[in-house]
Amino acid sequence: MTSTNVNFLEQSGSKFQSLDIDDRLTVLALLYTEIADEIPAIALNDVSNEKTANLVAQIQNLPQQEQVFALRQLVHQGEVGETAILTQEYTSMSVDDKLAFWYHLAQNLGTTIIGVPNDYIPSEKATEVIDLLDTPNIEDLVTFFKRVL
């Protein structure tokens, strides 16, 4: 990996972590849906689909507002309050399982999982992160996802 890639990953990861929870969810949703066709071959190799499918199913079975709350909890583990799902299941996943989980979740956005509204305009900070991650190198994006999930 070149130093440029390391700087890119450090900068994008740092900016992502500084976003509020909803902006993080927005960035994940928009990036995953943008690259959905290219992720499966990379994300799903050697991943236990049972773990990810179970957690996606738990979220799908929640009302939409509770889905948002559950996703917030997964993105920000320190959030206090009653849990809508078993977050321990997510925290015990490997990085590859988390990558696959978010991929499966993104496949269902707007259908069985609440999606980003069509008229939603991301915040300026979220847009900066999305623009920073506008790269044709899918491996860099996968590495970014693995660092921030």
Protein backbone atom coordinates (compact mmCIF):
# COMPACT_ATOMS: atom_id res chain seq x y z
CA MET A 1 0.00 0.00 0.00
CA THR A 2 1.42 3.40 -0.89
CA SER A 3 1.69 6.29 1.54
CA THR A 4 -0.95 8.10 -0.51
CA ASN A 5 -3.41 5.30 0.19
CA VAL A 6 -2.54 5.33 3.88
CA ASN A 7 -3.07 9.10 4.05
CA PHE A 8 -6.33 8.75 2.14
CA LEU A 9 -7.53 6.06 4.55
CA GLU A 10 -6.45 7.97 7.65
CA GLN A 11 -8.03 11.20 6.47
CA SER A 12 -11.29 9.64 5.32
CA GLY A 13 -11.55 7.47 8.46
CA SER A 14 -10.91 10.44 10.72
CA LYS A 15 -13.46 12.61 8.95
CA PHE A 16 -16.01 9.77 9.02
CA GLN A 17 -15.52 9.23 12.76
CA SER A 18 -16.07 12.96 13.40
CA LEU A 19 -19.53 12.84 11.78
CA ASP A 20 -22.65 12.56 13.89
CA ILE A 21 -24.45 9.22 13.90
CA ASP A 22 -27.02 10.08 11.23
CA ASP A 23 -24.35 11.44 8.89
CA ARG A 24 -22.35 8.22 9.36
CA LEU A 25 -25.42 6.18 8.42
CA THR A 26 -25.99 8.40 5.40
CA VAL A 27 -22.39 7.99 4.20
CA LEU A 28 -22.53 4.21 4.65
CA ALA A 29 -25.87 3.95 2.84
CA LEU A 30 -24.87 6.15 -0.07
CA LEU A 31 -21.46 4.55 -0.55
CA TYR A 32 -22.74 1.00 -0.28
CA THR A 33 -25.57 1.58 -2.75
CA GLU A 34 -23.16 3.31 -5.14
CA ILE A 35 -20.73 0.38 -5.21
CA ALA A 36 -23.16 -2.48 -4.55
CA ASP A 37 -22.42 -4.23 -7.84
CA GLU A 38 -18.70 -4.44 -7.06
CA ILE A 39 -18.78 -5.44 -3.38
CA PRO A 40 -20.10 -9.05 -3.42
CA ALA A 41 -17.00 -10.72 -4.78
CA ILE A 42 -14.79 -8.97 -2.25
CA ALA A 43 -17.12 -8.78 0.75
CA LEU A 44 -18.66 -12.20 0.78
CA ASN A 45 -15.65 -14.47 0.43
CA ASP A 46 -15.39 -16.76 3.46
CA VAL A 47 -18.14 -14.93 5.36
CA SER A 48 -20.71 -16.76 7.43
CA ASN A 49 -23.98 -15.60 5.91
CA GLU A 50 -25.95 -16.99 8.86
CA LYS A 51 -24.65 -14.33 11.26
CA THR A 52 -25.26 -11.45 8.90
CA ALA A 53 -28.63 -12.75 7.70
CA ASN A 54 -29.86 -13.16 11.28
CA LEU A 55 -28.98 -9.59 12.21
CA VAL A 56 -30.44 -8.16 8.99
CA ALA A 57 -33.65 -10.13 9.69
CA GLN A 58 -33.83 -8.70 13.22
CA ILE A 59 -33.64 -5.18 11.81
CA GLN A 60 -36.15 -5.92 9.02
CA ASN A 61 -38.68 -7.09 11.62
CA LEU A 62 -38.60 -3.73 13.41
CA PRO A 63 -40.86 -0.76 12.59
CA GLN A 64 -39.00 1.83 10.48
CA GLN A 65 -38.31 4.27 13.34
CA GLU A 66 -36.88 1.45 15.43
CA GLN A 67 -34.77 0.36 12.44
CA VAL A 68 -33.15 3.80 12.45
CA PHE A 69 -32.54 3.56 16.20
CA ALA A 70 -31.03 0.06 15.87
CA LEU A 71 -28.71 1.17 13.05
CA ARG A 72 -27.61 4.17 15.10
CA GLN A 73 -26.70 1.83 17.92
CA LEU A 74 -24.61 -0.34 15.62
CA VAL A 75 -22.73 2.65 14.25
CA HIS A 76 -22.23 4.24 17.68
CA GLN A 77 -21.78 1.50 20.25
CA GLY A 78 -21.55 4.02 23.10
CA GLU A 79 -25.14 5.21 22.65
CA VAL A 80 -27.03 4.73 25.89
CA GLY A 81 -30.57 3.50 26.00
CA GLU A 82 -32.74 0.52 25.42
CA THR A 83 -31.54 -1.63 22.58
CA ALA A 84 -33.86 -2.55 19.74
CA ILE A 85 -31.67 -5.51 18.75
CA LEU A 86 -28.89 -7.56 20.27
CA THR A 87 -25.87 -5.35 19.61
CA GLN A 88 -23.54 -8.00 21.08
CA GLU A 89 -24.19 -10.06 17.98
CA TYR A 90 -22.79 -7.23 15.86
CA THR A 91 -19.86 -6.41 18.13
CA SER A 92 -18.78 -10.06 18.15
CA MET A 93 -18.65 -10.20 14.34
CA SER A 94 -15.36 -10.18 12.48
CA VAL A 95 -14.58 -7.18 10.28
CA ASP A 96 -15.44 -9.24 7.18
CA ASP A 97 -18.79 -10.24 8.71
CA LYS A 98 -19.54 -6.56 9.45
CA LEU A 99 -18.64 -5.65 5.88
CA ALA A 100 -21.01 -8.34 4.59
CA PHE A 101 -23.72 -7.28 7.06
CA TRP A 102 -23.72 -3.70 5.79
CA TYR A 103 -23.70 -4.97 2.22
CA HIS A 104 -26.78 -7.14 2.88
CA LEU A 105 -28.43 -4.25 4.66
CA ALA A 106 -27.74 -1.92 1.72
CA GLN A 107 -29.33 -4.43 -0.66
CA ASN A 108 -32.59 -3.99 1.25
CA LEU A 109 -32.54 -0.20 1.68
CA GLY A 110 -35.80 1.33 0.61
CA THR A 111 -37.64 -2.00 0.63
CA THR A 112 -37.57 -3.97 3.89
CA ILE A 113 -35.06 -1.58 5.51
CA ILE A 114 -35.75 2.13 5.77
CA GLY A 115 -33.87 3.93 3.04
CA VAL A 116 -32.42 7.37 2.56
CA PRO A 117 -35.27 9.55 1.24
CA ASN A 118 -34.86 10.54 -2.43
CA ASP A 119 -35.03 14.23 -1.54
CA TYR A 120 -32.52 13.96 1.31
CA ILE A 121 -29.53 16.27 1.02
CA PRO A 122 -26.52 15.09 3.03
CA SER A 123 -24.88 17.59 5.37
CA GLU A 124 -21.82 19.46 4.19
CA LYS A 125 -19.56 17.29 6.38
CA ALA A 126 -21.12 14.06 5.07
CA THR A 127 -20.72 15.32 1.50
CA GLU A 128 -17.01 16.03 2.18
CA VAL A 129 -16.50 12.41 3.25
CA ILE A 130 -18.42 11.07 0.26
CA ASP A 131 -16.40 13.28 -2.09
CA LEU A 132 -13.17 12.19 -0.44
CA LEU A 133 -14.14 8.56 -0.98
CA ASP A 134 -15.01 9.08 -4.63
CA THR A 135 -12.35 6.71 -5.92
CA PRO A 136 -12.36 4.11 -8.66
CA ASN A 137 -10.25 1.84 -6.43
CA ILE A 138 -12.76 -0.52 -4.82
CA GLU A 139 -10.07 -2.07 -2.59
CA ASP A 140 -9.46 1.33 -0.96
CA LEU A 141 -13.18 1.63 -0.23
CA VAL A 142 -13.31 -1.87 1.24
CA THR A 143 -10.31 -1.04 3.43
CA PHE A 144 -12.06 2.17 4.52
CA PHE A 145 -15.20 0.22 5.43
CA LYS A 146 -13.18 -2.31 7.40
CA ARG A 147 -11.51 0.49 9.37
CA VAL A 148 -14.69 2.32 10.30
CA LEU A 149 -17.12 -0.54 10.94
